[in-house]
Amino acid sequence: MNDITVKQTNKAIAIIAEYLQRASRNEQLQEAKVRLDKKMVLLSDDENCDQGILMGAFVPAMTSHSREKFFEEIAVALKGAQA
């Protein structure tokens, strides 16, 4: 994997995380997870990202059992992408 792919993947993670924090705040947990799944598919195709890194960043959020934990994991993914 090259540097460009890693940068594009981190950019996609940041875009998804920031979007979810804005768009999903008033949604039920399942709705937010569906939105996350759709955004991951869309951006992984559009941005030419590494699917493994992208999935790894958001698996904790997808497996969370509460809205609070979901958004905590989204914030962690955003911090990791910006580091």
PDB file of N, CA and C in Angstrom:
ATOM      1  N   MET A   1       0.845  -1.167   0.000  1.00  0.00           N
ATOM      2  CA  MET A   1       0.000   0.000   0.000  1.00  0.00           C
ATOM      3  C   MET A   1       0.898   1.239   0.000  1.00  0.00           C
ATOM      4  N   ASN A   2       0.514   2.206  -0.801  1.00  0.00           N
ATOM      5  CA  ASN A   2       1.364   3.382  -0.894  1.00  0.00           C
ATOM      6  C   ASN A   2       0.836   4.530  -0.032  1.00  0.00           C
ATOM      7  N   ASP A   3       1.651   5.559   0.063  1.00  0.00           N
ATOM      8  CA  ASP A   3       1.345   6.733   0.891  1.00  0.00           C
ATOM      9  C   ASP A   3       0.068   7.443   0.447  1.00  0.00           C
ATOM     10  N   ILE A   4      -0.151   7.498  -0.835  1.00  0.00           N
ATOM     11  CA  ILE A   4      -1.329   8.194  -1.369  1.00  0.00           C
ATOM     12  C   ILE A   4      -2.608   7.481  -0.939  1.00  0.00           C
ATOM     13  N   THR A   5      -2.615   6.173  -0.993  1.00  0.00           N
ATOM     14  CA  THR A   5      -3.788   5.403  -0.581  1.00  0.00           C
ATOM     15  C   THR A   5      -4.080   5.618   0.899  1.00  0.00           C
ATOM     16  N   VAL A   6      -3.043   5.636   1.726  1.00  0.00           N
ATOM     17  CA  VAL A   6      -3.223   5.855   3.160  1.00  0.00           C
ATOM     18  C   VAL A   6      -3.796   7.250   3.402  1.00  0.00           C
ATOM     19  N   LYS A   7      -3.265   8.249   2.718  1.00  0.00           N
ATOM     20  CA  LYS A   7      -3.768   9.614   2.881  1.00  0.00           C
ATOM     21  C   LYS A   7      -5.219   9.728   2.427  1.00  0.00           C
ATOM     22  N   GLN A   8      -5.553   9.102   1.310  1.00  0.00           N
ATOM     23  CA  GLN A   8      -6.933   9.142   0.817  1.00  0.00           C
ATOM     24  C   GLN A   8      -7.876   8.418   1.774  1.00  0.00           C
ATOM     25  N   THR A   9      -7.405   7.326   2.347  1.00  0.00           N
ATOM     26  CA  THR A   9      -8.224   6.578   3.292  1.00  0.00           C
ATOM     27  C   THR A   9      -8.460   7.393   4.565  1.00  0.00           C
ATOM     28  N   ASN A  10      -7.416   8.020   5.082  1.00  0.00           N
ATOM     29  CA  ASN A  10      -7.573   8.865   6.271  1.00  0.00           C
ATOM     30  C   ASN A  10      -8.487  10.053   5.994  1.00  0.00           C
ATOM     31  N   LYS A  11      -8.388  10.608   4.804  1.00  0.00           N
ATOM     32  CA  LYS A  11      -9.269  11.709   4.419  1.00  0.00           C
ATOM     33  C   LYS A  11     -10.724  11.224   4.390  1.00  0.00           C
ATOM     34  N   ALA A  12     -10.959  10.052   3.851  1.00  0.00           N
ATOM     35  CA  ALA A  12     -12.314   9.492   3.794  1.00  0.00           C
ATOM     36  C   ALA A  12     -12.848   9.209   5.194  1.00  0.00           C
ATOM     37  N   ILE A  13     -12.010   8.705   6.075  1.00  0.00           N
ATOM     38  CA  ILE A  13     -12.426   8.452   7.459  1.00  0.00           C
ATOM     39  C   ILE A  13     -12.847   9.757   8.127  1.00  0.00           C
ATOM     40  N   ALA A  14     -12.039  10.796   7.932  1.00  0.00           N
ATOM     41  CA  ALA A  14     -12.365  12.101   8.524  1.00  0.00           C
ATOM     42  C   ALA A  14     -13.672  12.652   7.956  1.00  0.00           C
ATOM     43  N   ILE A  15     -13.860  12.530   6.657  1.00  0.00           N
ATOM     44  CA  ILE A  15     -15.089  13.022   6.019  1.00  0.00           C
ATOM     45  C   ILE A  15     -16.307  12.286   6.582  1.00  0.00           C
ATOM     46  N   ILE A  16     -16.221  10.974   6.666  1.00  0.00           N
ATOM     47  CA  ILE A  16     -17.335  10.175   7.164  1.00  0.00           C
ATOM     48  C   ILE A  16     -17.628  10.515   8.626  1.00  0.00           C
ATOM     49  N   ALA A  17     -16.590  10.583   9.445  1.00  0.00           N
ATOM     50  CA  ALA A  17     -16.781  10.848  10.876  1.00  0.00           C
ATOM     51  C   ALA A  17     -17.391  12.226  11.112  1.00  0.00           C
ATOM     52  N   GLU A  18     -16.878  13.234  10.427  1.00  0.00           N
ATOM     53  CA  GLU A  18     -17.430  14.585  10.585  1.00  0.00           C
ATOM     54  C   GLU A  18     -18.869  14.650  10.103  1.00  0.00           C
ATOM     55  N   TYR A  19     -19.151  13.996   9.001  1.00  0.00           N
ATOM     56  CA  TYR A  19     -20.510  13.968   8.462  1.00  0.00           C
ATOM     57  C   TYR A  19     -21.479  13.306   9.442  1.00  0.00           C
ATOM     58  N   LEU A  20     -21.086  12.163   9.995  1.00  0.00           N
ATOM     59  CA  LEU A  20     -21.963  11.445  10.915  1.00  0.00           C
ATOM     60  C   LEU A  20     -22.224  12.248  12.187  1.00  0.00           C
ATOM     61  N   GLN A  21     -21.222  12.946  12.670  1.00  0.00           N
ATOM     62  CA  GLN A  21     -21.413  13.749  13.865  1.00  0.00           C
ATOM     63  C   GLN A  21     -22.447  14.848  13.638  1.00  0.00           C
ATOM     64  N   ARG A  22     -22.517  15.364  12.431  1.00  0.00           N
ATOM     65  CA  ARG A  22     -23.505  16.407  12.107  1.00  0.00           C
ATOM     66  C   ARG A  22     -24.858  15.803  11.752  1.00  0.00           C
ATOM     67  N   ALA A  23     -24.872  14.829  10.872  1.00  0.00           N
ATOM     68  CA  ALA A  23     -26.109  14.353  10.253  1.00  0.00           C
ATOM     69  C   ALA A  23     -26.874  13.335  11.093  1.00  0.00           C
ATOM     70  N   SER A  24     -26.209  12.638  11.963  1.00  0.00           N
ATOM     71  CA  SER A  24     -26.861  11.516  12.653  1.00  0.00           C
ATOM     72  C   SER A  24     -27.177  11.775  14.116  1.00  0.00           C
ATOM     73  N   ARG A  25     -26.929  12.949  14.609  1.00  0.00           N
ATOM     74  CA  ARG A  25     -27.126  13.234  16.036  1.00  0.00           C
ATOM     75  C   ARG A  25     -28.547  12.944  16.518  1.00  0.00           C
ATOM     76  N   ASN A  26     -29.550  13.156  15.694  1.00  0.00           N
ATOM     77  CA  ASN A  26     -30.936  12.958  16.112  1.00  0.00           C
ATOM     78  C   ASN A  26     -31.529  11.641  15.625  1.00  0.00           C
ATOM     79  N   GLU A  27     -30.703  10.783  15.089  1.00  0.00           N
ATOM     80  CA  GLU A  27     -31.187   9.505  14.570  1.00  0.00           C
ATOM     81  C   GLU A  27     -31.091   8.408  15.621  1.00  0.00           C
ATOM     82  N   GLN A  28     -31.875   7.375  15.413  1.00  0.00           N
ATOM     83  CA  GLN A  28     -31.762   6.171  16.223  1.00  0.00           C
ATOM     84  C   GLN A  28     -30.449   5.474  15.858  1.00  0.00           C
ATOM     85  N   LEU A  29     -29.977   4.607  16.736  1.00  0.00           N
ATOM     86  CA  LEU A  29     -28.701   3.919  16.526  1.00  0.00           C
ATOM     87  C   LEU A  29     -28.685   3.159  15.203  1.00  0.00           C
ATOM     88  N   GLN A  30     -29.739   2.400  14.922  1.00  0.00           N
ATOM     89  CA  GLN A  30     -29.768   1.609  13.680  1.00  0.00           C
ATOM     90  C   GLN A  30     -29.714   2.515  12.447  1.00  0.00           C
ATOM     91  N   GLU A  31     -30.406   3.633  12.478  1.00  0.00           N
ATOM     92  CA  GLU A  31     -30.379   4.565  11.341  1.00  0.00           C
ATOM     93  C   GLU A  31     -28.980   5.125  11.138  1.00  0.00           C
ATOM     94  N   ALA A  32     -28.306   5.453  12.226  1.00  0.00           N
ATOM     95  CA  ALA A  32     -26.947   5.985  12.136  1.00  0.00           C
ATOM     96  C   ALA A  32     -25.988   4.931  11.583  1.00  0.00           C
ATOM     97  N   LYS A  33     -26.172   3.675  11.981  1.00  0.00           N
ATOM     98  CA  LYS A  33     -25.317   2.594  11.464  1.00  0.00           C
ATOM     99  C   LYS A  33     -25.546   2.381   9.975  1.00  0.00           C
ATOM    100  N   VAL A  34     -26.787   2.473   9.534  1.00  0.00           N
ATOM    101  CA  VAL A  34     -27.087   2.335   8.104  1.00  0.00           C
ATOM    102  C   VAL A  34     -26.440   3.476   7.329  1.00  0.00           C
ATOM    103  N   ARG A  35     -26.536   4.684   7.864  1.00  0.00           N
ATOM    104  CA  ARG A  35     -25.918   5.849   7.218  1.00  0.00           C
ATOM    105  C   ARG A  35     -24.403   5.666   7.131  1.00  0.00           C
ATOM    106  N   LEU A  36     -23.789   5.177   8.199  1.00  0.00           N
ATOM    107  CA  LEU A  36     -22.349   4.913   8.205  1.00  0.00           C
ATOM    108  C   LEU A  36     -21.985   3.899   7.134  1.00  0.00           C
ATOM    109  N   ASP A  37     -22.727   2.816   7.062  1.00  0.00           N
ATOM    110  CA  ASP A  37     -22.453   1.776   6.075  1.00  0.00           C
ATOM    111  C   ASP A  37     -22.532   2.330   4.654  1.00  0.00           C
ATOM    112  N   LYS A  38     -23.553   3.110   4.367  1.00  0.00           N
ATOM    113  CA  LYS A  38     -23.713   3.689   3.026  1.00  0.00           C
ATOM    114  C   LYS A  38     -22.562   4.629   2.690  1.00  0.00           C
ATOM    115  N   LYS A  39     -22.151   5.447   3.650  1.00  0.00           N
ATOM    116  CA  LYS A  39     -21.049   6.390   3.402  1.00  0.00           C
ATOM    117  C   LYS A  39     -19.732   5.653   3.181  1.00  0.00           C
ATOM    118  N   MET A  40     -19.512   4.569   3.927  1.00  0.00           N
ATOM    119  CA  MET A  40     -18.273   3.815   3.734  1.00  0.00           C
ATOM    120  C   MET A  40     -18.213   3.228   2.333  1.00  0.00           C
ATOM    121  N   VAL A  41     -19.311   2.667   1.868  1.00  0.00           N
ATOM    122  CA  VAL A  41     -19.343   2.090   0.529  1.00  0.00           C
ATOM    123  C   VAL A  41     -19.126   3.180  -0.519  1.00  0.00           C
ATOM    124  N   LEU A  42     -19.826   4.281  -0.366  1.00  0.00           N
ATOM    125  CA  LEU A  42     -19.739   5.374  -1.331  1.00  0.00           C
ATOM    126  C   LEU A  42     -18.320   5.941  -1.415  1.00  0.00           C
ATOM    127  N   LEU A  43     -17.742   6.258  -0.278  1.00  0.00           N
ATOM    128  CA  LEU A  43     -16.414   6.879  -0.297  1.00  0.00           C
ATOM    129  C   LEU A  43     -15.303   5.893  -0.619  1.00  0.00           C
ATOM    130  N   SER A  44     -15.464   4.638  -0.256  1.00  0.00           N
ATOM    131  CA  SER A  44     -14.403   3.687  -0.597  1.00  0.00           C
ATOM    132  C   SER A  44     -14.316   3.516  -2.108  1.00  0.00           C
ATOM    133  N   ASP A  45     -15.439   3.585  -2.792  1.00  0.00           N
ATOM    134  CA  ASP A  45     -15.435   3.504  -4.253  1.00  0.00           C
ATOM    135  C   ASP A  45     -14.935   4.807  -4.885  1.00  0.00           C
ATOM    136  N   ASP A  46     -15.415   5.935  -4.397  1.00  0.00           N
ATOM    137  CA  ASP A  46     -15.091   7.231  -4.984  1.00  0.00           C
ATOM    138  C   ASP A  46     -13.661   7.685  -4.719  1.00  0.00           C
ATOM    139  N   GLU A  47     -13.171   7.427  -3.517  1.00  0.00           N
ATOM    140  CA  GLU A  47     -11.864   7.956  -3.117  1.00  0.00           C
ATOM    141  C   GLU A  47     -10.719   6.968  -3.296  1.00  0.00           C
ATOM    142  N   ASN A  48     -11.010   5.768  -3.779  1.00  0.00           N
ATOM    143  CA  ASN A  48      -9.964   4.766  -3.989  1.00  0.00           C
ATOM    144  C   ASN A  48      -9.219   4.460  -2.687  1.00  0.00           C
ATOM    145  N   CYS A  49      -9.967   4.135  -1.647  1.00  0.00           N
ATOM    146  CA  CYS A  49      -9.419   3.906  -0.301  1.00  0.00           C
ATOM    147  C   CYS A  49      -9.068   2.452  -0.076  1.00  0.00           C
ATOM    148  N   ASP A  50      -8.285   2.228   0.957  1.00  0.00           N
ATOM    149  CA  ASP A  50      -7.990   0.880   1.414  1.00  0.00           C
ATOM    150  C   ASP A  50      -9.177   0.415   2.255  1.00  0.00           C
ATOM    151  N   GLN A  51      -9.881  -0.591   1.776  1.00  0.00           N
ATOM    152  CA  GLN A  51     -11.095  -1.078   2.419  1.00  0.00           C
ATOM    153  C   GLN A  51     -10.817  -1.600   3.832  1.00  0.00           C
ATOM    154  N   GLY A  52      -9.687  -2.237   4.027  1.00  0.00           N
ATOM    155  CA  GLY A  52      -9.343  -2.786   5.339  1.00  0.00           C
ATOM    156  C   GLY A  52      -9.165  -1.717   6.397  1.00  0.00           C
ATOM    157  N   ILE A  53      -8.455  -0.654   6.048  1.00  0.00           N
ATOM    158  CA  ILE A  53      -8.247   0.445   6.993  1.00  0.00           C
ATOM    159  C   ILE A  53      -9.567   1.149   7.279  1.00  0.00           C
ATOM    160  N   LEU A  54     -10.341   1.376   6.240  1.00  0.00           N
ATOM    161  CA  LEU A  54     -11.629   2.056   6.388  1.00  0.00           C
ATOM    162  C   LEU A  54     -12.557   1.253   7.307  1.00  0.00           C
ATOM    163  N   MET A  55     -12.648  -0.039   7.070  1.00  0.00           N
ATOM    164  CA  MET A  55     -13.500  -0.893   7.907  1.00  0.00           C
ATOM    165  C   MET A  55     -12.955  -0.951   9.331  1.00  0.00           C
ATOM    166  N   GLY A  56     -11.658  -1.062   9.464  1.00  0.00           N
ATOM    167  CA  GLY A  56     -11.053  -1.126  10.793  1.00  0.00           C
ATOM    168  C   GLY A  56     -11.333   0.098  11.639  1.00  0.00           C
ATOM    169  N   ALA A  57     -11.412   1.244  10.993  1.00  0.00           N
ATOM    170  CA  ALA A  57     -11.679   2.479  11.722  1.00  0.00           C
ATOM    171  C   ALA A  57     -13.102   2.531  12.266  1.00  0.00           C
ATOM    172  N   PHE A  58     -14.042   1.901  11.547  1.00  0.00           N
ATOM    173  CA  PHE A  58     -15.442   2.041  11.922  1.00  0.00           C
ATOM    174  C   PHE A  58     -16.096   0.787  12.500  1.00  0.00           C
ATOM    175  N   VAL A  59     -15.386  -0.335  12.552  1.00  0.00           N
ATOM    176  CA  VAL A  59     -15.959  -1.552  13.137  1.00  0.00           C
ATOM    177  C   VAL A  59     -16.384  -1.326  14.596  1.00  0.00           C
ATOM    178  N   PRO A  60     -15.583  -0.646  15.418  1.00  0.00           N
ATOM    179  CA  PRO A  60     -16.052  -0.417  16.799  1.00  0.00           C
ATOM    180  C   PRO A  60     -17.387   0.335  16.860  1.00  0.00           C
ATOM    181  N   ALA A  61     -17.581   1.294  15.989  1.00  0.00           N
ATOM    182  CA  ALA A  61     -18.850   2.030  15.967  1.00  0.00           C
ATOM    183  C   ALA A  61     -19.982   1.132  15.482  1.00  0.00           C
ATOM    184  N   MET A  62     -19.712   0.323  14.462  1.00  0.00           N
ATOM    185  CA  MET A  62     -20.746  -0.546  13.910  1.00  0.00           C
ATOM    186  C   MET A  62     -21.172  -1.635  14.904  1.00  0.00           C
ATOM    187  N   THR A  63     -20.303  -1.990  15.819  1.00  0.00           N
ATOM    188  CA  THR A  63     -20.631  -3.039  16.779  1.00  0.00           C
ATOM    189  C   THR A  63     -21.063  -2.487  18.138  1.00  0.00           C
ATOM    190  N   SER A  64     -21.164  -1.179  18.252  1.00  0.00           N
ATOM    191  CA  SER A  64     -21.589  -0.581  19.522  1.00  0.00           C
ATOM    192  C   SER A  64     -23.070  -0.847  19.765  1.00  0.00           C
ATOM    193  N   HIS A  65     -23.437  -0.821  21.036  1.00  0.00           N
ATOM    194  CA  HIS A  65     -24.814  -1.147  21.411  1.00  0.00           C
ATOM    195  C   HIS A  65     -25.582   0.050  21.963  1.00  0.00           C
ATOM    196  N   SER A  66     -24.976   1.220  21.941  1.00  0.00           N
ATOM    197  CA  SER A  66     -25.681   2.424  22.386  1.00  0.00           C
ATOM    198  C   SER A  66     -25.284   3.597  21.505  1.00  0.00           C
ATOM    199  N   ARG A  67     -26.152   4.576  21.436  1.00  0.00           N
ATOM    200  CA  ARG A  67     -25.861   5.772  20.637  1.00  0.00           C
ATOM    201  C   ARG A  67     -24.615   6.483  21.168  1.00  0.00           C
ATOM    202  N   GLU A  68     -24.511   6.549  22.488  1.00  0.00           N
ATOM    203  CA  GLU A  68     -23.376   7.238  23.100  1.00  0.00           C
ATOM    204  C   GLU A  68     -22.062   6.579  22.700  1.00  0.00           C
ATOM    205  N   LYS A  69     -22.023   5.261  22.786  1.00  0.00           N
ATOM    206  CA  LYS A  69     -20.804   4.527  22.416  1.00  0.00           C
ATOM    207  C   LYS A  69     -20.527   4.668  20.918  1.00  0.00           C
ATOM    208  N   PHE A  70     -21.580   4.644  20.105  1.00  0.00           N
ATOM    209  CA  PHE A  70     -21.433   4.825  18.663  1.00  0.00           C
ATOM    210  C   PHE A  70     -20.706   6.135  18.367  1.00  0.00           C
ATOM    211  N   PHE A  71     -21.181   7.228  18.976  1.00  0.00           N
ATOM    212  CA  PHE A  71     -20.569   8.526  18.702  1.00  0.00           C
ATOM    213  C   PHE A  71     -19.189   8.672  19.344  1.00  0.00           C
ATOM    214  N   GLU A  72     -18.948   7.986  20.440  1.00  0.00           N
ATOM    215  CA  GLU A  72     -17.595   7.964  21.014  1.00  0.00           C
ATOM    216  C   GLU A  72     -16.628   7.308  20.032  1.00  0.00           C
ATOM    217  N   GLU A  73     -17.045   6.185  19.449  1.00  0.00           N
ATOM    218  CA  GLU A  73     -16.186   5.475  18.496  1.00  0.00           C
ATOM    219  C   GLU A  73     -15.982   6.274  17.210  1.00  0.00           C
ATOM    220  N   ILE A  74     -16.987   7.014  16.787  1.00  0.00           N
ATOM    221  CA  ILE A  74     -16.844   7.882  15.617  1.00  0.00           C
ATOM    222  C   ILE A  74     -15.803   8.959  15.908  1.00  0.00           C
ATOM    223  N   ALA A  75     -15.846   9.531  17.114  1.00  0.00           N
ATOM    224  CA  ALA A  75     -14.865  10.554  17.504  1.00  0.00           C
ATOM    225  C   ALA A  75     -13.454   9.967  17.543  1.00  0.00           C
ATOM    226  N   VAL A  76     -13.321   8.737  18.019  1.00  0.00           N
ATOM    227  CA  VAL A  76     -12.009   8.067  18.048  1.00  0.00           C
ATOM    228  C   VAL A  76     -11.501   7.857  16.612  1.00  0.00           C
ATOM    229  N   ALA A  77     -12.372   7.446  15.713  1.00  0.00           N
ATOM    230  CA  ALA A  77     -11.966   7.250  14.316  1.00  0.00           C
ATOM    231  C   ALA A  77     -11.504   8.572  13.703  1.00  0.00           C
ATOM    232  N   LEU A  78     -12.196   9.655  14.029  1.00  0.00           N
ATOM    233  CA  LEU A  78     -11.814  10.975  13.506  1.00  0.00           C
ATOM    234  C   LEU A  78     -10.443  11.372  14.028  1.00  0.00           C
ATOM    235  N   LYS A  79     -10.203  11.190  15.315  1.00  0.00           N
ATOM    236  CA  LYS A  79      -8.886  11.524  15.889  1.00  0.00           C
ATOM    237  C   LYS A  79      -7.779  10.702  15.235  1.00  0.00           C
ATOM    238  N   GLY A  80      -8.047   9.420  15.017  1.00  0.00           N
ATOM    239  CA  GLY A  80      -7.044   8.556  14.390  1.00  0.00           C
ATOM    240  C   GLY A  80      -6.730   8.976  12.968  1.00  0.00           C
ATOM    241  N   ALA A  81      -7.744   9.450  12.252  1.00  0.00           N
ATOM    242  CA  ALA A  81      -7.529   9.879  10.867  1.00  0.00           C
ATOM    243  C   ALA A  81      -6.763  11.183  10.797  1.00  0.00           C
ATOM    244  N   GLN A  82      -6.910  12.008  11.810  1.00  0.00           N
ATOM    245  CA  GLN A  82      -6.246  13.315  11.813  1.00  0.00           C
ATOM    246  C   GLN A  82      -4.835  13.265  12.392  1.00  0.00           C
ATOM    247  N   ALA A  83      -4.486  12.153  13.024  1.00  0.00           N
ATOM    248  CA  ALA A  83      -3.164  12.036  13.663  1.00  0.00           C
ATOM    249  C   ALA A  83      -2.053  11.893  12.659  1.00  0.00           C
TER     250      ALA A  83
END
